[in-house]
């Protein structure tokens, strides 16, 4: 049987790189890990909480006007964003300025919410109704 020489067989094979040096090779970093380590991590999104409150009609109109102004200049804003921006602005003010703004607000009549006796006129349950409620 005759052996056929290949193009790479005529030159002596080079020894492997790891065997040539006595220093162990450093492990290669995985692709993407260096980029991930260099990226600053995003802060966790704050949890949202639903809240309900009453506004005067003039305040609702003011919110709507602010929303349309923001939309006109190319930065649409939600009502909640405007309220949050107002809170941030109040927090940046001093206490005296905040008190002055609060004092300048017109007072609103209390709403008769769930369990709000003062707004409902302070009606108390009759003893018969109390006893019936206890039996339930």
N, C-alpha and C. Protein backbone atom coordinates (compact mmCIF):
# COMPACT_ATOMS: atom_id res chain seq x y z
N UNK A 1 0.86 -1.16 0.00
CA UNK A 1 0.00 0.00 0.00
C UNK A 1 0.90 1.22 0.00
N UNK A 2 0.62 2.11 -0.87
CA UNK A 2 1.44 3.31 -0.99
C UNK A 2 0.81 4.44 -0.18
N UNK A 3 1.66 5.20 0.46
CA UNK A 3 1.17 6.36 1.21
C UNK A 3 1.24 7.60 0.34
N UNK A 4 0.18 8.38 0.41
CA UNK A 4 0.12 9.60 -0.38
C UNK A 4 0.45 10.75 0.56
N UNK A 5 1.41 11.59 0.18
CA UNK A 5 1.80 12.74 1.00
C UNK A 5 0.81 13.87 0.79
N UNK A 6 0.46 14.51 1.89
CA UNK A 6 -0.42 15.67 1.79
C UNK A 6 0.41 16.93 1.85
N UNK A 7 -0.15 18.05 1.53
CA UNK A 7 0.58 19.31 1.48
C UNK A 7 1.12 19.68 2.84
N UNK A 8 0.45 19.41 3.92
CA UNK A 8 0.89 19.80 5.25
C UNK A 8 1.82 18.78 5.87
N UNK A 9 1.96 17.62 5.30
CA UNK A 9 2.76 16.57 5.90
C UNK A 9 4.24 16.77 5.68
N UNK A 10 4.66 17.52 4.66
CA UNK A 10 6.07 17.67 4.38
C UNK A 10 6.77 18.54 5.41
N UNK A 11 6.10 19.50 6.02
CA UNK A 11 6.71 20.36 7.04
C UNK A 11 6.50 19.72 8.41
N UNK A 12 7.50 19.84 9.30
CA UNK A 12 7.32 19.27 10.63
C UNK A 12 6.23 20.05 11.39
N UNK A 13 5.45 19.35 12.17
CA UNK A 13 4.35 19.97 12.90
C UNK A 13 4.90 20.80 14.04
N UNK A 14 4.32 21.99 14.25
CA UNK A 14 4.75 22.87 15.33
C UNK A 14 4.17 22.34 16.64
N UNK A 15 4.93 22.44 17.73
CA UNK A 15 4.40 21.96 19.01
C UNK A 15 3.25 22.86 19.47
N UNK A 16 2.29 22.33 20.22
CA UNK A 16 1.19 23.17 20.70
C UNK A 16 1.72 24.30 21.57
N UNK A 17 1.00 25.44 21.57
CA UNK A 17 1.44 26.64 22.28
C UNK A 17 1.51 26.39 23.78
N UNK A 18 0.60 25.63 24.34
CA UNK A 18 0.59 25.40 25.78
C UNK A 18 1.79 24.56 26.20
N UNK A 19 2.23 23.63 25.36
CA UNK A 19 3.37 22.78 25.70
C UNK A 19 4.67 23.54 25.55
N UNK A 20 4.72 24.57 24.71
CA UNK A 20 5.95 25.31 24.46
C UNK A 20 6.32 26.16 25.66
N UNK A 21 5.36 26.68 26.41
CA UNK A 21 5.71 27.52 27.54
C UNK A 21 5.38 26.79 28.83
N UNK A 22 6.17 27.05 29.85
CA UNK A 22 5.94 26.39 31.13
C UNK A 22 4.92 27.16 31.98
N UNK A 23 4.57 28.41 31.58
CA UNK A 23 3.59 29.22 32.31
C UNK A 23 2.20 28.80 31.84
N UNK A 24 1.30 28.50 32.78
CA UNK A 24 -0.04 28.10 32.35
C UNK A 24 -0.76 29.28 31.68
N UNK A 25 -1.52 28.97 30.68
CA UNK A 25 -2.25 30.01 29.94
C UNK A 25 -3.38 30.56 30.81
N UNK A 26 -3.61 31.88 30.70
CA UNK A 26 -4.70 32.51 31.44
C UNK A 26 -6.02 32.13 30.78
N UNK A 27 -7.05 31.93 31.58
CA UNK A 27 -8.33 31.61 30.96
C UNK A 27 -8.85 32.83 30.19
N UNK A 28 -9.37 32.56 29.03
CA UNK A 28 -9.89 33.65 28.21
C UNK A 28 -11.21 34.13 28.80
N UNK A 29 -11.40 35.46 28.85
CA UNK A 29 -12.68 35.96 29.35
C UNK A 29 -13.80 35.62 28.38
N UNK A 30 -14.95 35.39 28.92
CA UNK A 30 -16.11 35.09 28.09
C UNK A 30 -16.53 36.35 27.35
N UNK A 31 -16.97 36.20 26.13
CA UNK A 31 -17.40 37.40 25.40
C UNK A 31 -18.64 38.00 26.06
N UNK A 32 -18.62 39.32 26.23
CA UNK A 32 -19.75 40.03 26.80
C UNK A 32 -19.66 40.25 28.30
N UNK A 33 -18.84 39.49 29.03
CA UNK A 33 -18.79 39.67 30.48
C UNK A 33 -18.09 40.96 30.85
N UNK A 34 -17.05 41.35 30.11
CA UNK A 34 -16.36 42.61 30.41
C UNK A 34 -17.29 43.79 30.13
N UNK A 35 -18.06 43.67 29.07
CA UNK A 35 -19.00 44.75 28.74
C UNK A 35 -20.10 44.84 29.78
N UNK A 36 -20.53 43.69 30.29
CA UNK A 36 -21.57 43.69 31.31
C UNK A 36 -21.05 44.27 32.62
N UNK A 37 -19.80 43.98 32.96
CA UNK A 37 -19.24 44.48 34.21
C UNK A 37 -19.02 45.99 34.13
N UNK A 38 -18.73 46.52 32.94
CA UNK A 38 -18.47 47.94 32.79
C UNK A 38 -19.76 48.76 32.79
N UNK A 39 -20.88 48.13 32.42
CA UNK A 39 -22.15 48.85 32.37
C UNK A 39 -22.64 49.18 33.77
N UNK A 40 -23.06 50.42 33.99
CA UNK A 40 -23.67 50.72 35.30
C UNK A 40 -25.05 50.07 35.35
N UNK A 41 -25.36 49.47 36.47
CA UNK A 41 -26.65 48.79 36.58
C UNK A 41 -27.76 49.82 36.75
N UNK A 42 -28.91 49.53 36.17
CA UNK A 42 -30.05 50.44 36.26
C UNK A 42 -30.64 50.34 37.66
N UNK A 43 -31.06 51.47 38.23
CA UNK A 43 -31.72 51.38 39.53
C UNK A 43 -33.06 50.69 39.38
N UNK A 44 -33.45 49.96 40.43
CA UNK A 44 -34.73 49.26 40.38
C UNK A 44 -35.86 50.28 40.29
N UNK A 45 -36.85 49.95 39.49
CA UNK A 45 -38.00 50.83 39.36
C UNK A 45 -38.77 50.85 40.67
N UNK A 46 -39.19 52.03 41.06
CA UNK A 46 -39.93 52.17 42.31
C UNK A 46 -41.33 51.60 42.13
N UNK A 47 -41.82 50.93 43.17
CA UNK A 47 -43.16 50.36 43.09
C UNK A 47 -44.19 51.47 43.05
N UNK A 48 -45.22 51.22 42.27
CA UNK A 48 -46.29 52.21 42.16
C UNK A 48 -47.37 51.90 43.17
N UNK A 49 -48.07 52.94 43.59
CA UNK A 49 -49.16 52.79 44.54
C UNK A 49 -50.30 53.69 44.09
N UNK A 50 -51.48 53.13 44.02
CA UNK A 50 -52.64 53.93 43.61
C UNK A 50 -53.11 54.77 44.78
N UNK A 51 -53.47 56.00 44.47
CA UNK A 51 -53.96 56.92 45.50
C UNK A 51 -55.11 57.70 44.88
N UNK A 52 -56.11 57.97 45.67
CA UNK A 52 -57.27 58.71 45.19
C UNK A 52 -57.43 59.97 46.03
N UNK A 53 -57.65 61.09 45.37
CA UNK A 53 -57.86 62.34 46.09
C UNK A 53 -58.75 63.24 45.26
N UNK A 54 -59.30 64.25 45.90
CA UNK A 54 -60.23 65.16 45.26
C UNK A 54 -59.54 66.47 44.94
N UNK A 55 -59.80 66.97 43.74
CA UNK A 55 -59.27 68.26 43.31
C UNK A 55 -60.42 69.20 43.01
N UNK A 56 -60.18 70.47 43.17
CA UNK A 56 -61.17 71.47 42.76
C UNK A 56 -61.23 71.48 41.23
N UNK A 57 -62.36 71.90 40.71
CA UNK A 57 -62.52 71.94 39.25
C UNK A 57 -61.47 72.84 38.61
N UNK A 58 -61.12 73.93 39.29
CA UNK A 58 -60.11 74.84 38.73
C UNK A 58 -58.74 74.15 38.66
N UNK A 59 -58.45 73.28 39.63
CA UNK A 59 -57.18 72.56 39.61
C UNK A 59 -57.14 71.53 38.48
N UNK A 60 -58.27 70.90 38.22
CA UNK A 60 -58.35 69.95 37.11
C UNK A 60 -58.15 70.68 35.78
N UNK A 61 -58.76 71.87 35.64
CA UNK A 61 -58.57 72.67 34.42
C UNK A 61 -57.11 73.10 34.29
N UNK A 62 -56.49 73.43 35.41
CA UNK A 62 -55.08 73.83 35.41
C UNK A 62 -54.19 72.66 34.96
N UNK A 63 -54.50 71.45 35.46
CA UNK A 63 -53.75 70.26 35.03
C UNK A 63 -53.91 70.02 33.53
N UNK A 64 -55.15 70.14 33.04
CA UNK A 64 -55.40 69.95 31.61
C UNK A 64 -54.67 70.99 30.77
N UNK A 65 -54.64 72.24 31.24
CA UNK A 65 -53.92 73.30 30.52
C UNK A 65 -52.42 73.01 30.49
N UNK A 66 -51.89 72.56 31.61
CA UNK A 66 -50.46 72.22 31.65
C UNK A 66 -50.15 71.06 30.71
N UNK A 67 -51.04 70.07 30.67
CA UNK A 67 -50.84 68.92 29.78
C UNK A 67 -50.83 69.37 28.33
N UNK A 68 -51.77 70.24 27.96
CA UNK A 68 -51.83 70.70 26.56
C UNK A 68 -50.62 71.58 26.23
N UNK A 69 -50.14 72.38 27.19
CA UNK A 69 -48.93 73.18 26.96
C UNK A 69 -47.72 72.28 26.73
N UNK A 70 -47.60 71.23 27.52
CA UNK A 70 -46.47 70.31 27.38
C UNK A 70 -46.54 69.59 26.03
N UNK A 71 -47.75 69.22 25.62
CA UNK A 71 -47.92 68.55 24.33
C UNK A 71 -47.55 69.50 23.19
N UNK A 72 -47.90 70.79 23.34
CA UNK A 72 -47.62 71.78 22.29
C UNK A 72 -46.12 72.00 22.10
N UNK A 73 -45.34 71.89 23.17
CA UNK A 73 -43.89 72.10 23.04
C UNK A 73 -43.14 70.81 22.75
N UNK A 74 -43.89 69.71 22.57
CA UNK A 74 -43.25 68.46 22.16
C UNK A 74 -42.90 67.52 23.30
N UNK A 75 -43.37 67.77 24.49
CA UNK A 75 -43.11 66.87 25.63
C UNK A 75 -44.44 66.53 26.29
N UNK A 76 -45.17 65.54 25.73
CA UNK A 76 -46.44 65.18 26.36
C UNK A 76 -46.21 64.67 27.78
N UNK A 77 -47.13 64.99 28.67
CA UNK A 77 -46.99 64.59 30.07
C UNK A 77 -48.32 64.05 30.58
N UNK A 78 -48.23 63.04 31.42
CA UNK A 78 -49.44 62.50 32.06
C UNK A 78 -49.74 63.32 33.30
N UNK A 79 -50.97 63.20 33.78
CA UNK A 79 -51.37 63.93 34.99
C UNK A 79 -50.49 63.53 36.17
N UNK A 80 -50.22 62.24 36.27
CA UNK A 80 -49.40 61.77 37.40
C UNK A 80 -48.00 62.35 37.33
N UNK A 81 -47.46 62.53 36.11
CA UNK A 81 -46.13 63.14 35.98
C UNK A 81 -46.15 64.58 36.46
N UNK A 82 -47.21 65.31 36.12
CA UNK A 82 -47.31 66.70 36.55
C UNK A 82 -47.44 66.80 38.07
N UNK A 83 -48.21 65.90 38.66
CA UNK A 83 -48.35 65.90 40.12
C UNK A 83 -47.01 65.57 40.77
N UNK A 84 -46.29 64.59 40.22
CA UNK A 84 -44.98 64.23 40.78
C UNK A 84 -43.98 65.36 40.64
N UNK A 85 -44.03 66.08 39.49
CA UNK A 85 -43.14 67.22 39.30
C UNK A 85 -43.46 68.33 40.30
N UNK A 86 -44.76 68.53 40.56
CA UNK A 86 -45.16 69.52 41.56
C UNK A 86 -44.68 69.15 42.95
N UNK A 87 -44.75 67.85 43.28
CA UNK A 87 -44.24 67.39 44.58
C UNK A 87 -42.74 67.63 44.70
N UNK A 88 -42.02 67.36 43.61
CA UNK A 88 -40.57 67.58 43.63
C UNK A 88 -40.26 69.07 43.80
N UNK A 89 -41.05 69.93 43.14
CA UNK A 89 -40.84 71.38 43.27
C UNK A 89 -41.14 71.84 44.69
N UNK A 90 -42.21 71.30 45.30
CA UNK A 90 -42.53 71.65 46.69
C UNK A 90 -41.44 71.18 47.65
N UNK A 91 -40.92 70.00 47.40
CA UNK A 91 -39.87 69.47 48.26
C UNK A 91 -38.60 70.31 48.17
N UNK A 92 -38.37 70.93 47.01
CA UNK A 92 -37.18 71.76 46.83
C UNK A 92 -37.32 73.12 47.50
N UNK A 93 -38.56 73.54 47.76
CA UNK A 93 -38.79 74.83 48.43
C UNK A 93 -38.50 74.72 49.92
N UNK A 94 -38.34 75.85 50.53
CA UNK A 94 -38.19 75.87 51.98
C UNK A 94 -39.55 75.71 52.65
N UNK A 95 -39.54 75.46 53.95
CA UNK A 95 -40.79 75.27 54.68
C UNK A 95 -41.67 76.52 54.65
N UNK A 96 -41.06 77.67 54.77
CA UNK A 96 -41.85 78.92 54.79
C UNK A 96 -42.57 79.12 53.47
N UNK A 97 -41.89 78.85 52.35
CA UNK A 97 -42.52 79.01 51.04
C UNK A 97 -43.65 78.00 50.84
N UNK A 98 -43.44 76.77 51.30
CA UNK A 98 -44.47 75.75 51.17
C UNK A 98 -45.70 76.11 52.00
N UNK A 99 -45.48 76.60 53.22
CA UNK A 99 -46.60 77.01 54.07
C UNK A 99 -47.35 78.16 53.42
N UNK A 100 -46.64 79.10 52.81
CA UNK A 100 -47.29 80.24 52.15
C UNK A 100 -48.15 79.76 50.98
N UNK A 101 -47.65 78.79 50.21
CA UNK A 101 -48.43 78.25 49.10
C UNK A 101 -49.67 77.51 49.61
N UNK A 102 -49.51 76.74 50.67
CA UNK A 102 -50.65 76.00 51.23
C UNK A 102 -51.71 76.95 51.78
N UNK A 103 -51.25 78.03 52.41
CA UNK A 103 -52.20 79.00 52.96
C UNK A 103 -52.95 79.75 51.86
N UNK A 104 -52.35 79.87 50.69
CA UNK A 104 -52.98 80.58 49.58
C UNK A 104 -54.04 79.73 48.87
N UNK A 105 -54.05 78.43 49.11
CA UNK A 105 -55.03 77.56 48.46
C UNK A 105 -56.42 77.78 49.03
N UNK A 106 -57.44 77.80 48.17
CA UNK A 106 -58.80 77.88 48.70
C UNK A 106 -59.17 76.54 49.34
N UNK A 107 -59.97 76.59 50.39
CA UNK A 107 -60.34 75.35 51.08
C UNK A 107 -61.42 74.63 50.29
N UNK A 108 -61.39 73.31 50.37
CA UNK A 108 -62.39 72.48 49.71
C UNK A 108 -63.31 71.87 50.76
N UNK A 109 -64.55 71.69 50.39
CA UNK A 109 -65.49 71.03 51.29
C UNK A 109 -65.11 69.56 51.36
N UNK A 110 -65.19 68.97 52.53
CA UNK A 110 -64.84 67.56 52.68
C UNK A 110 -65.84 66.70 51.95
N UNK A 111 -65.34 65.64 51.35
CA UNK A 111 -66.24 64.73 50.65
C UNK A 111 -66.74 63.67 51.61
N UNK A 112 -67.90 63.14 51.34
CA UNK A 112 -68.46 62.09 52.18
C UNK A 112 -67.95 60.75 51.68
N UNK A 113 -66.72 60.45 52.02
CA UNK A 113 -66.12 59.19 51.60
C UNK A 113 -66.58 58.04 52.47
N UNK A 114 -66.04 56.89 52.22
CA UNK A 114 -66.40 55.69 52.95
C UNK A 114 -65.98 55.82 54.41
N UNK A 115 -66.89 55.73 55.32
CA UNK A 115 -66.57 55.77 56.74
C UNK A 115 -66.23 57.15 57.26
N UNK A 116 -66.53 58.20 56.51
CA UNK A 116 -66.20 59.56 56.91
C UNK A 116 -67.42 60.17 57.61
N UNK A 117 -67.51 60.00 58.92
CA UNK A 117 -68.69 60.46 59.67
C UNK A 117 -68.80 61.97 59.73
N UNK A 118 -67.68 62.65 59.85
CA UNK A 118 -67.73 64.12 59.98
C UNK A 118 -68.36 64.74 58.74
N UNK A 119 -68.00 64.25 57.56
CA UNK A 119 -68.55 64.81 56.33
C UNK A 119 -70.00 64.40 56.13
N UNK A 120 -70.41 63.26 56.71
CA UNK A 120 -71.79 62.79 56.57
C UNK A 120 -72.72 63.42 57.59
N UNK A 121 -72.23 64.28 58.43
CA UNK A 121 -73.07 64.91 59.42
C UNK A 121 -72.98 64.24 60.77
N UNK A 122 -72.11 63.31 60.94
CA UNK A 122 -71.90 62.68 62.24
C UNK A 122 -73.04 61.79 62.69
N UNK A 123 -73.81 61.23 61.76
CA UNK A 123 -74.93 60.37 62.15
C UNK A 123 -74.40 59.09 62.78
N UNK A 124 -75.02 58.70 63.88
CA UNK A 124 -74.64 57.47 64.54
C UNK A 124 -75.71 56.42 64.28
N UNK A 125 -75.31 55.17 64.33
CA UNK A 125 -76.27 54.09 64.16
C UNK A 125 -77.13 53.96 65.41
N UNK A 126 -78.38 53.60 65.20
CA UNK A 126 -79.26 53.37 66.34
C UNK A 126 -78.84 52.08 67.04
N UNK A 127 -79.18 51.91 68.31
CA UNK A 127 -78.81 50.68 69.02
C UNK A 127 -79.33 49.42 68.33
N UNK A 128 -80.51 49.49 67.71
CA UNK A 128 -81.05 48.32 67.02
C UNK A 128 -80.18 47.96 65.81
N UNK A 129 -79.74 48.97 65.07
CA UNK A 129 -78.89 48.71 63.90
C UNK A 129 -77.52 48.20 64.31
N UNK A 130 -77.00 48.69 65.44
CA UNK A 130 -75.72 48.20 65.94
C UNK A 130 -75.81 46.72 66.28
N UNK A 131 -76.91 46.33 66.97
CA UNK A 131 -77.10 44.93 67.35
C UNK A 131 -77.24 44.05 66.11
N UNK A 132 -77.95 44.53 65.11
CA UNK A 132 -78.12 43.76 63.87
C UNK A 132 -76.79 43.61 63.15
N UNK A 133 -75.96 44.64 63.19
CA UNK A 133 -74.65 44.58 62.53
C UNK A 133 -73.74 43.59 63.25
N UNK A 134 -73.85 43.50 64.58
CA UNK A 134 -73.02 42.56 65.35
C UNK A 134 -73.39 41.12 65.03
N UNK A 135 -74.68 40.85 64.79
CA UNK A 135 -75.14 39.49 64.50
C UNK A 135 -74.65 39.01 63.15
N UNK A 136 -74.40 39.92 62.23
CA UNK A 136 -73.94 39.54 60.89
C UNK A 136 -72.58 39.05 60.98
